[in-house]
Amino acid sequence: MISLDAASVLLQWSVGGLLFLWVTTRRREVSLGYGWLMRGTYALMAAGAAYIGFAIIDTNLVRDLSSVAVAVAATAALVSSVVRRQAGVAGQVELAEARSARVAAMTGIDRSAASKDETVREFDPRLDLIAPILGVPGILAAAAVAADAGDGELWLAIARFLVGAAFLGAVSDAMLLGHWYLVQPGMARGPLLELVRWTGIMWFPEVALLLVPVGMVSALNGTIDDGYNGLLGWYWVMSAVTTLGLVVVTRLALKERAYSAVMAATGLLYLAILTAFSTDLVARALLS
């Protein structure tokens, strides 16, 4: 019903990742470096999707031009953030100043305030929305062509592509943000908890859409031959169930007050990325 190609997967991944980057940057709590890392990474993915689409596989003009637009928009947002770096991030600066004030009150040691140039306007997180919006037409085009090639229903292919993009983006960003606590250890857990919550939310439509006929039920009952006597179908079930379990355990780990709980949660999210990608990509390969 849908076909699996690297250009579409990379475009989906970059669009979903950039969407949930905005979910995080809109809070104005995470330092600028995190945004630079994410925009640069996903811009390269989108550029890779464009290259594969134009140079390696059959070209889908809308998808491939959309990939170029995503790469350009993400790079433009990155440049804007770098140019405005002297303004800092409002929430991060306020937290640092509040903690310095508490230390001063308790110890009498007055630390200098965090550096911030009041004459420079802070980076606007809404710029992070431009790239994922520009990527939607490309995802729709890829889904339409794939559905047509597989003689499937258009609405189902589109829904699977869009939900898959959000699902993969949420779990990827959650894992990467968990690592960022090594760089910014005093950051509150709110941004990470939000991404973990979104990963759990997106799991339900992701799995439900992959079960809609013709779906993974057909692989489990033998209607679709996976070439491994049904092994891949049950591997998909294991991956889907394990992903949800890892999300739940990650949420429980983040309830612990110790800083090590964040590192434990990050390790669990490492595993969740593997099982989440298996949930999406194995199903798409079997149903293509």
Protein backbone atom coordinates (compact mmCIF):
# COMPACT_ATOMS: atom_id res chain seq x y z
CA MET A 1 0.00 0.00 0.00
CA ILE A 2 2.91 2.32 0.62
CA SER A 3 6.45 2.11 -0.66
CA LEU A 4 9.61 2.61 1.35
CA ASP A 5 12.38 4.78 -0.05
CA ALA A 6 15.20 6.66 1.62
CA ALA A 7 14.20 10.08 0.26
CA SER A 8 10.71 9.87 1.79
CA VAL A 9 11.97 8.48 5.09
CA LEU A 10 14.61 11.21 5.48
CA LEU A 11 12.09 13.91 4.60
CA GLN A 12 9.61 12.53 7.13
CA TRP A 13 12.27 12.28 9.81
CA SER A 14 13.52 15.84 9.26
CA VAL A 15 10.01 17.32 9.18
CA GLY A 16 8.95 15.53 12.36
CA GLY A 17 12.18 16.41 14.13
CA LEU A 18 11.94 20.10 13.20
CA LEU A 19 8.30 20.21 14.28
CA PHE A 20 9.15 18.95 17.76
CA LEU A 21 12.19 21.22 17.86
CA TRP A 22 9.67 24.06 17.79
CA VAL A 23 7.70 22.34 20.58
CA THR A 24 10.87 22.63 22.67
CA THR A 25 12.21 26.04 21.57
CA ARG A 26 8.87 27.75 22.09
CA ARG A 27 9.33 27.17 25.83
CA ARG A 28 12.48 29.37 25.79
CA GLU A 29 14.23 27.18 28.36
CA VAL A 30 16.83 25.21 26.39
CA SER A 31 20.11 26.89 25.48
CA LEU A 32 20.85 28.02 21.93
CA GLY A 33 23.29 25.22 21.21
CA TYR A 34 20.53 22.61 21.25
CA GLY A 35 18.67 24.44 18.51
CA TRP A 36 21.85 24.78 16.47
CA LEU A 37 22.52 21.05 16.74
CA MET A 38 18.99 20.07 15.77
CA ARG A 39 18.59 22.50 12.88
CA GLY A 40 21.95 21.52 11.43
CA THR A 41 21.22 17.80 11.76
CA TYR A 42 17.77 17.92 10.20
CA ALA A 43 18.86 20.34 7.48
CA LEU A 44 21.47 17.77 6.44
CA MET A 45 18.83 15.02 6.47
CA ALA A 46 16.53 17.07 4.25
CA ALA A 47 19.42 17.84 1.91
CA GLY A 48 20.18 14.12 1.80
CA ALA A 49 16.55 13.39 0.94
CA ALA A 50 16.74 15.88 -1.94
CA TYR A 51 19.98 14.37 -3.25
CA ILE A 52 18.61 10.84 -3.15
CA GLY A 53 15.40 11.94 -4.83
CA PHE A 54 17.07 13.86 -7.63
CA ALA A 55 20.16 11.73 -8.22
CA ILE A 56 19.58 8.14 -7.12
CA ILE A 57 15.92 7.07 -7.27
CA ASP A 58 12.98 8.08 -9.43
CA THR A 59 12.38 11.78 -8.97
CA ASN A 60 9.20 12.98 -7.31
CA LEU A 61 9.42 16.68 -8.07
CA VAL A 62 7.14 17.93 -5.29
CA ARG A 63 8.78 15.72 -2.66
CA ASP A 64 12.31 16.59 -3.73
CA LEU A 65 11.72 20.33 -4.05
CA SER A 66 10.03 20.24 -0.67
CA SER A 67 13.14 18.56 0.76
CA VAL A 68 15.25 21.41 -0.62
CA ALA A 69 12.87 23.95 0.93
CA VAL A 70 13.08 22.21 4.33
CA ALA A 71 16.89 22.24 4.22
CA VAL A 72 16.98 25.93 3.26
CA ALA A 73 14.41 26.98 5.87
CA ALA A 74 16.14 25.05 8.66
CA THR A 75 19.49 26.58 7.68
CA ALA A 76 17.96 30.06 7.60
CA ALA A 77 16.55 29.57 11.11
CA LEU A 78 19.97 28.35 12.25
CA VAL A 79 21.67 31.44 10.83
CA SER A 80 19.09 33.71 12.48
CA SER A 81 19.69 32.03 15.84
CA VAL A 82 23.46 32.40 15.53
CA VAL A 83 23.16 36.06 14.55
CA ARG A 84 20.95 36.76 17.59
CA ARG A 85 22.96 34.64 20.02
CA GLN A 86 23.95 37.62 22.17
CA ALA A 87 20.30 37.99 23.24
CA GLY A 88 20.43 34.57 24.90
CA VAL A 89 17.32 32.57 25.79
CA ALA A 90 14.86 34.26 28.15
CA GLY A 91 13.96 31.25 30.30
CA GLN A 92 17.56 30.05 30.61
CA VAL A 93 18.81 33.53 31.62
CA GLU A 94 16.00 33.98 34.16
CA LEU A 95 16.74 30.60 35.73
CA ALA A 96 20.46 31.36 35.99
CA GLU A 97 19.77 34.74 37.58
CA ALA A 98 17.28 33.27 40.06
CA ARG A 99 19.74 30.59 41.14
CA SER A 100 22.54 33.15 41.47
CA ALA A 101 20.27 35.23 43.68
CA ARG A 102 19.54 32.23 45.94
CA VAL A 103 23.23 31.41 46.24
CA ALA A 104 23.97 35.02 47.10
CA ALA A 105 21.25 35.05 49.75
CA MET A 106 22.56 31.86 51.37
CA THR A 107 26.31 32.43 51.13
CA GLY A 108 26.79 36.12 50.55
CA ILE A 109 28.71 35.34 47.36
CA ASP A 110 27.33 37.52 44.60
CA ARG A 111 27.94 36.16 41.14
CA SER A 112 27.73 38.33 38.05
CA ALA A 113 24.50 38.13 36.06
CA ALA A 114 24.32 36.00 32.94
CA SER A 115 25.57 37.79 29.85
CA LYS A 116 22.75 39.17 27.72
CA ASP A 117 22.72 41.95 25.13
CA GLU A 118 19.50 43.90 25.68
CA THR A 119 19.89 45.67 22.33
CA VAL A 120 19.56 42.41 20.34
CA ARG A 121 16.15 40.85 19.82
CA GLU A 122 15.88 37.22 20.88
CA PHE A 123 15.52 34.46 18.26
CA ASP A 124 11.86 33.91 17.38
CA PRO A 125 10.98 30.20 17.85
CA ARG A 126 8.20 30.53 15.28
CA LEU A 127 10.91 30.43 12.62
CA ASP A 128 11.31 26.74 13.48
CA LEU A 129 7.79 26.12 12.18
CA ILE A 130 8.56 27.24 8.63
CA ALA A 131 10.65 24.19 7.68
CA PRO A 132 8.14 21.52 8.79
CA ILE A 133 5.30 23.42 7.10
CA LEU A 134 7.28 23.48 3.85
CA GLY A 135 7.88 19.75 4.22
CA VAL A 136 4.20 18.77 4.38
CA PRO A 137 3.56 19.06 0.60
CA GLY A 138 6.51 16.77 -0.02
CA ILE A 139 5.19 14.17 2.41
CA LEU A 140 1.74 14.35 0.82
CA ALA A 141 3.24 13.92 -2.65
CA ALA A 142 5.31 10.93 -1.55
CA ALA A 143 2.26 9.34 0.06
CA ALA A 144 0.09 9.95 -3.00
CA VAL A 145 2.58 8.37 -5.39
CA ALA A 146 3.19 5.44 -3.06
CA ALA A 147 -0.53 4.79 -2.60
CA ASP A 148 -1.09 4.93 -6.35
CA ALA A 149 1.74 2.51 -7.02
CA GLY A 150 0.40 0.07 -4.44
CA ASP A 151 -3.25 0.49 -5.44
CA GLY A 152 -4.12 1.49 -1.89
CA GLU A 153 -6.38 4.12 -0.35
CA LEU A 154 -4.95 7.63 -0.52
CA TRP A 155 -6.23 8.80 2.87
CA LEU A 156 -4.59 5.89 4.65
CA ALA A 157 -1.22 6.38 2.97
CA ILE A 158 -1.28 10.12 3.77
CA ALA A 159 -2.26 9.50 7.39
CA ARG A 160 0.49 6.92 7.82
CA PHE A 161 3.13 9.21 6.33
CA LEU A 162 2.14 12.26 8.42
CA VAL A 163 1.71 10.38 11.70
CA GLY A 164 4.92 8.45 11.06
CA ALA A 165 6.81 11.72 10.60
CA ALA A 166 5.53 13.05 13.93
CA PHE A 167 6.17 9.75 15.73
CA LEU A 168 9.78 9.44 14.55
CA GLY A 169 10.45 13.13 15.16
CA ALA A 170 9.13 13.06 18.72
CA VAL A 171 11.16 10.04 19.85
CA SER A 172 14.33 11.29 18.14
CA ASP A 173 14.09 14.74 19.70
CA ALA A 174 13.37 13.26 23.12
CA MET A 175 16.53 11.16 23.02
CA LEU A 176 18.69 14.06 21.79
CA LEU A 177 17.25 16.45 24.37
CA GLY A 178 17.99 13.92 27.09
CA HIS A 179 21.65 14.09 26.07
CA TRP A 180 21.53 17.88 26.17
CA TYR A 181 21.11 17.74 29.96
CA LEU A 182 24.81 16.86 30.05
CA VAL A 183 25.48 20.28 28.54
CA GLN A 184 22.79 22.11 30.51
CA PRO A 185 22.43 20.06 33.72
CA GLY A 186 20.44 22.63 35.66
CA MET A 187 17.60 22.70 33.16
CA ALA A 188 14.14 21.77 34.38
CA ARG A 189 12.67 18.47 33.17
CA GLY A 190 9.60 20.06 31.62
CA PRO A 191 10.91 20.09 28.02
CA LEU A 192 11.95 16.43 28.16
CA LEU A 193 8.72 15.35 29.84
CA GLU A 194 6.77 17.09 27.10
CA LEU A 195 8.58 15.22 24.33
CA VAL A 196 8.19 11.89 26.13
CA ARG A 197 4.48 12.60 26.50
CA TRP A 198 4.15 13.41 22.79
CA THR A 199 5.98 10.19 21.89
CA GLY A 200 3.44 8.22 23.91
CA ILE A 201 0.53 10.13 22.39
CA MET A 202 1.72 9.56 18.81
CA TRP A 203 2.22 5.83 19.46
CA PHE A 204 -1.53 5.21 19.44
CA PRO A 205 -2.42 6.62 15.98
CA GLU A 206 0.85 5.23 14.59
CA VAL A 207 0.01 1.65 15.56
CA ALA A 208 -3.72 2.01 14.84
CA LEU A 209 -3.13 3.23 11.29
CA LEU A 210 -0.71 0.39 10.60
CA LEU A 211 -3.40 -2.08 11.66
CA VAL A 212 -6.09 -0.65 9.35
CA PRO A 213 -6.64 -3.08 6.42
CA VAL A 214 -4.62 -3.74 4.43
CA GLY A 215 -2.36 -3.62 7.47
CA MET A 216 -0.19 -5.60 9.80
CA VAL A 217 -3.00 -7.99 10.67
CA SER A 218 -2.59 -9.35 7.15
CA ALA A 219 1.10 -9.97 7.83
CA LEU A 220 0.29 -11.76 11.07
CA ASN A 221 -2.38 -14.06 9.63
CA GLY A 222 -0.27 -14.94 6.59
CA THR A 223 -2.25 -13.02 3.95
CA ILE A 224 0.93 -11.03 3.27
CA ASP A 225 4.03 -13.19 2.97
CA ASP A 226 6.98 -11.57 4.73
CA GLY A 227 9.40 -14.17 3.39
CA TYR A 228 10.34 -15.31 6.91
CA ASN A 229 7.34 -17.49 7.84
CA GLY A 230 5.65 -14.62 9.68
CA LEU A 231 8.70 -13.69 11.78
CA LEU A 232 8.74 -10.05 10.68
CA GLY A 233 5.10 -9.60 11.62
CA TRP A 234 5.73 -10.77 15.17
CA TYR A 235 8.92 -8.71 15.31
CA TRP A 236 6.73 -5.70 14.50
CA VAL A 237 4.36 -6.59 17.36
CA MET A 238 7.29 -6.88 19.75
CA SER A 239 8.71 -3.54 18.58
CA ALA A 240 5.39 -1.72 18.97
CA VAL A 241 4.68 -3.11 22.44
CA THR A 242 8.26 -2.52 23.60
CA THR A 243 8.17 1.09 22.38
CA LEU A 244 5.13 1.87 24.50
CA GLY A 245 6.67 0.07 27.46
CA LEU A 246 9.87 2.09 27.15
CA VAL A 247 7.90 5.34 27.03
CA VAL A 248 6.05 4.39 30.23
CA VAL A 249 9.26 3.36 32.02
CA THR A 250 11.01 6.55 30.86
CA ARG A 251 8.17 8.62 32.34
CA LEU A 252 8.48 6.73 35.62
CA ALA A 253 12.25 7.26 35.68
CA LEU A 254 11.79 11.01 35.29
CA LYS A 255 9.72 11.07 38.47
CA GLU A 256 12.88 10.40 40.46
CA ARG A 257 14.54 13.55 41.78
CA ALA A 258 18.16 12.46 41.25
CA TYR A 259 19.98 13.85 38.22
CA SER A 260 20.95 10.30 37.26
CA ALA A 261 17.27 9.68 36.48
CA VAL A 262 17.60 11.91 33.41
CA MET A 263 20.55 9.86 32.17
CA ALA A 264 18.62 6.65 32.79
CA ALA A 265 15.69 8.07 30.85
CA THR A 266 18.01 8.98 27.99
CA GLY A 267 19.32 5.43 27.83
CA LEU A 268 15.77 4.12 27.69
CA LEU A 269 15.00 6.55 24.88
CA TYR A 270 17.98 5.18 22.97
CA LEU A 271 16.23 1.81 22.96
CA ALA A 272 12.90 3.47 22.16
CA ILE A 273 14.35 4.95 18.97
CA LEU A 274 15.35 1.47 17.77
CA THR A 275 11.96 -0.05 18.51
CA ALA A 276 10.03 2.99 17.23
CA PHE A 277 11.83 2.93 13.90
CA SER A 278 11.20 -0.81 13.67
CA THR A 279 7.52 -0.18 14.37
CA ASP A 280 7.24 2.26 11.49
CA LEU A 281 9.73 1.01 8.90
CA VAL A 282 9.18 -2.74 9.19
CA ALA A 283 5.46 -2.24 8.69
CA ARG A 284 6.00 0.06 5.72
CA ALA A 285 8.38 -2.42 4.11
CA LEU A 286 5.92 -5.29 4.55
CA LEU A 287 2.95 -3.30 3.28
CA SER A 288 4.72 -1.75 0.29
